[in-house]
Amino acid sequence: MTISQIIRAAGGARDIVAAMAKDGTIMTRWAVYRWSRHGIPDTHWRVIMQLAPGVDESMIYRANEALRRAPLADNDDRRIAASA
């Protein structure tokens, strides 16, 4: 399962942002969309698992690891940040 699939399973960025707000975390949909490039921060895994039945810690971990192992495009902001 990819990060994008996990986000969809959790109801999409709008539902994730709403659930985070209920927990007192203010976040934008754009921040959630960026997870597809940077991975889901572990501080948000609990909310994702509550929203996405069947998604557990190991699935999020594996999706994050797969993303981090993927080759970077020249214009990827992860590459730019790493070179700074």
N, C-alpha and C. Protein backbone atom coordinates (compact mmCIF):
# COMPACT_ATOMS: atom_id res chain seq x y z
N MET A 1 0.86 -1.17 0.00
CA MET A 1 0.00 0.00 0.00
C MET A 1 0.90 1.23 0.00
N THR A 2 0.58 2.20 -0.85
CA THR A 2 1.37 3.43 -0.93
C THR A 2 0.82 4.49 0.02
N ILE A 3 1.58 5.55 0.20
CA ILE A 3 1.11 6.67 1.03
C ILE A 3 -0.19 7.23 0.46
N SER A 4 -0.26 7.40 -0.85
CA SER A 4 -1.48 7.93 -1.47
C SER A 4 -2.67 7.02 -1.21
N GLN A 5 -2.46 5.71 -1.28
CA GLN A 5 -3.55 4.77 -1.00
C GLN A 5 -3.98 4.84 0.46
N ILE A 6 -3.02 5.02 1.35
CA ILE A 6 -3.36 5.15 2.78
C ILE A 6 -4.17 6.42 3.01
N ILE A 7 -3.78 7.51 2.38
CA ILE A 7 -4.52 8.77 2.52
C ILE A 7 -5.95 8.58 2.02
N ARG A 8 -6.11 7.92 0.87
CA ARG A 8 -7.46 7.67 0.34
C ARG A 8 -8.26 6.77 1.28
N ALA A 9 -7.60 5.74 1.83
CA ALA A 9 -8.28 4.83 2.75
C ALA A 9 -8.76 5.55 4.02
N ALA A 10 -8.06 6.62 4.37
CA ALA A 10 -8.43 7.41 5.55
C ALA A 10 -9.49 8.45 5.23
N GLY A 11 -9.98 8.45 4.01
CA GLY A 11 -11.05 9.38 3.63
C GLY A 11 -10.57 10.59 2.86
N GLY A 12 -9.28 10.66 2.60
CA GLY A 12 -8.74 11.79 1.85
C GLY A 12 -8.25 12.90 2.77
N ALA A 13 -7.60 13.86 2.16
CA ALA A 13 -6.98 14.95 2.92
C ALA A 13 -7.98 15.73 3.75
N ARG A 14 -9.16 15.98 3.20
CA ARG A 14 -10.17 16.77 3.93
C ARG A 14 -10.57 16.08 5.24
N ASP A 15 -10.81 14.78 5.19
CA ASP A 15 -11.19 14.04 6.40
C ASP A 15 -10.04 13.97 7.40
N ILE A 16 -8.83 13.83 6.89
CA ILE A 16 -7.66 13.78 7.78
C ILE A 16 -7.49 15.11 8.50
N VAL A 17 -7.60 16.21 7.76
CA VAL A 17 -7.47 17.55 8.36
C VAL A 17 -8.54 17.76 9.42
N ALA A 18 -9.77 17.33 9.14
CA ALA A 18 -10.87 17.48 10.10
C ALA A 18 -10.60 16.67 11.37
N ALA A 19 -10.10 15.44 11.21
CA ALA A 19 -9.80 14.60 12.38
C ALA A 19 -8.65 15.19 13.19
N MET A 20 -7.66 15.73 12.52
CA MET A 20 -6.54 16.36 13.22
C MET A 20 -7.02 17.56 14.02
N ALA A 21 -7.93 18.34 13.43
CA ALA A 21 -8.46 19.52 14.11
C ALA A 21 -9.19 19.13 15.40
N LYS A 22 -9.91 18.01 15.35
CA LYS A 22 -10.60 17.53 16.56
C LYS A 22 -9.61 17.17 17.66
N ASP A 23 -8.42 16.75 17.26
CA ASP A 23 -7.36 16.43 18.23
C ASP A 23 -6.55 17.66 18.63
N GLY A 24 -6.89 18.82 18.05
CA GLY A 24 -6.18 20.05 18.38
C GLY A 24 -4.98 20.36 17.50
N THR A 25 -4.81 19.60 16.42
CA THR A 25 -3.71 19.83 15.50
C THR A 25 -4.24 20.56 14.27
N ILE A 26 -3.72 21.74 14.03
CA ILE A 26 -4.13 22.52 12.86
C ILE A 26 -3.19 22.16 11.71
N MET A 27 -3.78 21.78 10.61
CA MET A 27 -3.01 21.34 9.45
C MET A 27 -3.81 21.67 8.20
N THR A 28 -3.12 21.88 7.10
CA THR A 28 -3.80 22.16 5.84
C THR A 28 -3.88 20.89 5.00
N ARG A 29 -4.78 20.92 4.03
CA ARG A 29 -4.85 19.78 3.09
C ARG A 29 -3.54 19.67 2.33
N TRP A 30 -2.94 20.80 2.02
CA TRP A 30 -1.66 20.79 1.29
C TRP A 30 -0.61 19.99 2.07
N ALA A 31 -0.59 20.15 3.39
CA ALA A 31 0.37 19.40 4.21
C ALA A 31 0.13 17.90 4.07
N VAL A 32 -1.12 17.49 4.06
CA VAL A 32 -1.44 16.06 3.89
C VAL A 32 -1.01 15.59 2.51
N TYR A 33 -1.26 16.39 1.47
CA TYR A 33 -0.84 16.00 0.12
C TYR A 33 0.67 15.83 0.04
N ARG A 34 1.42 16.62 0.79
CA ARG A 34 2.88 16.53 0.77
C ARG A 34 3.37 15.20 1.35
N TRP A 35 2.55 14.55 2.16
CA TRP A 35 2.96 13.26 2.71
C TRP A 35 3.28 12.27 1.59
N SER A 36 2.65 12.42 0.44
CA SER A 36 2.92 11.52 -0.69
C SER A 36 4.35 11.66 -1.18
N ARG A 37 4.99 12.76 -0.85
CA ARG A 37 6.38 12.98 -1.25
C ARG A 37 7.35 12.77 -0.10
N HIS A 38 6.89 12.95 1.14
CA HIS A 38 7.79 12.93 2.29
C HIS A 38 7.50 11.83 3.30
N GLY A 39 6.35 11.19 3.18
CA GLY A 39 5.96 10.17 4.15
C GLY A 39 5.05 10.74 5.21
N ILE A 40 4.34 9.86 5.88
CA ILE A 40 3.42 10.27 6.94
C ILE A 40 4.21 10.38 8.24
N PRO A 41 4.24 11.56 8.86
CA PRO A 41 4.96 11.70 10.13
C PRO A 41 4.38 10.76 11.19
N ASP A 42 5.26 10.15 11.96
CA ASP A 42 4.78 9.17 12.94
C ASP A 42 3.87 9.78 13.99
N THR A 43 3.94 11.06 14.21
CA THR A 43 3.04 11.70 15.18
C THR A 43 1.59 11.68 14.71
N HIS A 44 1.35 11.41 13.43
CA HIS A 44 -0.01 11.39 12.89
C HIS A 44 -0.53 9.99 12.59
N TRP A 45 0.26 8.98 12.83
CA TRP A 45 -0.14 7.61 12.51
C TRP A 45 -1.41 7.20 13.24
N ARG A 46 -1.54 7.58 14.51
CA ARG A 46 -2.70 7.16 15.30
C ARG A 46 -4.00 7.62 14.65
N VAL A 47 -4.03 8.88 14.20
CA VAL A 47 -5.24 9.41 13.56
C VAL A 47 -5.51 8.67 12.25
N ILE A 48 -4.47 8.42 11.48
CA ILE A 48 -4.63 7.70 10.21
C ILE A 48 -5.20 6.31 10.47
N MET A 49 -4.68 5.62 11.47
CA MET A 49 -5.17 4.28 11.77
C MET A 49 -6.62 4.30 12.25
N GLN A 50 -7.03 5.34 12.94
CA GLN A 50 -8.42 5.47 13.36
C GLN A 50 -9.34 5.69 12.17
N LEU A 51 -8.87 6.45 11.19
CA LEU A 51 -9.69 6.78 10.02
C LEU A 51 -9.72 5.68 8.97
N ALA A 52 -8.67 4.88 8.91
CA ALA A 52 -8.54 3.88 7.85
C ALA A 52 -8.57 2.47 8.45
N PRO A 53 -9.74 1.86 8.51
CA PRO A 53 -9.81 0.49 9.04
C PRO A 53 -8.89 -0.44 8.25
N GLY A 54 -8.15 -1.25 8.96
CA GLY A 54 -7.26 -2.19 8.30
C GLY A 54 -5.85 -1.67 8.09
N VAL A 55 -5.64 -0.38 8.27
CA VAL A 55 -4.30 0.18 8.14
C VAL A 55 -3.66 0.18 9.53
N ASP A 56 -2.48 -0.45 9.62
CA ASP A 56 -1.81 -0.50 10.91
C ASP A 56 -0.42 0.14 10.80
N GLU A 57 0.29 0.17 11.94
CA GLU A 57 1.61 0.81 11.98
C GLU A 57 2.57 0.22 10.96
N SER A 58 2.56 -1.08 10.83
CA SER A 58 3.51 -1.71 9.91
C SER A 58 3.25 -1.31 8.46
N MET A 59 2.00 -1.12 8.10
CA MET A 59 1.67 -0.70 6.72
C MET A 59 2.16 0.72 6.46
N ILE A 60 1.95 1.60 7.42
CA ILE A 60 2.41 2.99 7.26
C ILE A 60 3.94 3.01 7.22
N TYR A 61 4.57 2.25 8.10
CA TYR A 61 6.03 2.19 8.13
C TYR A 61 6.58 1.72 6.78
N ARG A 62 6.02 0.62 6.26
CA ARG A 62 6.49 0.08 4.97
C ARG A 62 6.28 1.08 3.84
N ALA A 63 5.15 1.77 3.84
CA ALA A 63 4.89 2.77 2.80
C ALA A 63 5.89 3.92 2.90
N ASN A 64 6.17 4.36 4.12
CA ASN A 64 7.17 5.42 4.31
C ASN A 64 8.54 4.96 3.84
N GLU A 65 8.93 3.75 4.20
CA GLU A 65 10.23 3.22 3.80
C GLU A 65 10.34 3.09 2.28
N ALA A 66 9.30 2.61 1.64
CA ALA A 66 9.31 2.48 0.17
C ALA A 66 9.48 3.85 -0.47
N LEU A 67 8.83 4.83 0.07
CA LEU A 67 8.94 6.19 -0.45
C LEU A 67 10.36 6.72 -0.28
N ARG A 68 10.95 6.47 0.85
CA ARG A 68 12.30 6.98 1.11
C ARG A 68 13.35 6.27 0.28
N ARG A 69 13.09 5.04 -0.15
CA ARG A 69 14.03 4.29 -0.99
C ARG A 69 13.88 4.61 -2.47
N ALA A 70 12.77 5.25 -2.84
CA ALA A 70 12.51 5.55 -4.25
C ALA A 70 13.53 6.56 -4.77
N PRO A 71 13.93 6.42 -6.03
CA PRO A 71 14.86 7.39 -6.61
C PRO A 71 14.22 8.78 -6.65
N LEU A 72 15.05 9.80 -6.49
CA LEU A 72 14.57 11.17 -6.49
C LEU A 72 14.67 11.78 -7.88
N ALA A 73 13.66 12.53 -8.27
CA ALA A 73 13.70 13.28 -9.52
C ALA A 73 14.56 14.53 -9.30
N ASP A 74 15.09 15.09 -10.37
CA ASP A 74 15.93 16.28 -10.25
C ASP A 74 15.21 17.45 -9.61
N ASN A 75 13.90 17.55 -9.82
CA ASN A 75 13.15 18.68 -9.27
C ASN A 75 12.44 18.34 -7.96
N ASP A 76 12.74 17.19 -7.39
CA ASP A 76 12.09 16.78 -6.14
C ASP A 76 12.62 17.63 -4.99
N ASP A 77 11.72 18.20 -4.20
CA ASP A 77 12.16 19.07 -3.12
C ASP A 77 12.88 18.31 -2.01
N ARG A 78 12.77 16.97 -1.97
CA ARG A 78 13.58 16.20 -1.01
C ARG A 78 15.05 16.29 -1.40
N ARG A 79 15.34 16.28 -2.71
CA ARG A 79 16.71 16.39 -3.19
C ARG A 79 17.25 17.78 -2.88
N ILE A 80 16.43 18.80 -3.10
CA ILE A 80 16.85 20.18 -2.85
C ILE A 80 17.16 20.37 -1.37
N ALA A 81 16.30 19.85 -0.49
CA ALA A 81 16.52 19.99 0.95
C ALA A 81 17.78 19.24 1.38
N ALA A 82 18.04 18.09 0.79
CA ALA A 82 19.20 17.30 1.17
C ALA A 82 20.50 17.98 0.76
N SER A 83 20.47 18.76 -0.31
CA SER A 83 21.68 19.41 -0.78
C SER A 83 21.94 20.75 -0.10
N ALA A 84 20.97 21.23 0.66
CA ALA A 84 21.12 22.55 1.30
C ALA A 84 22.03 22.49 2.50
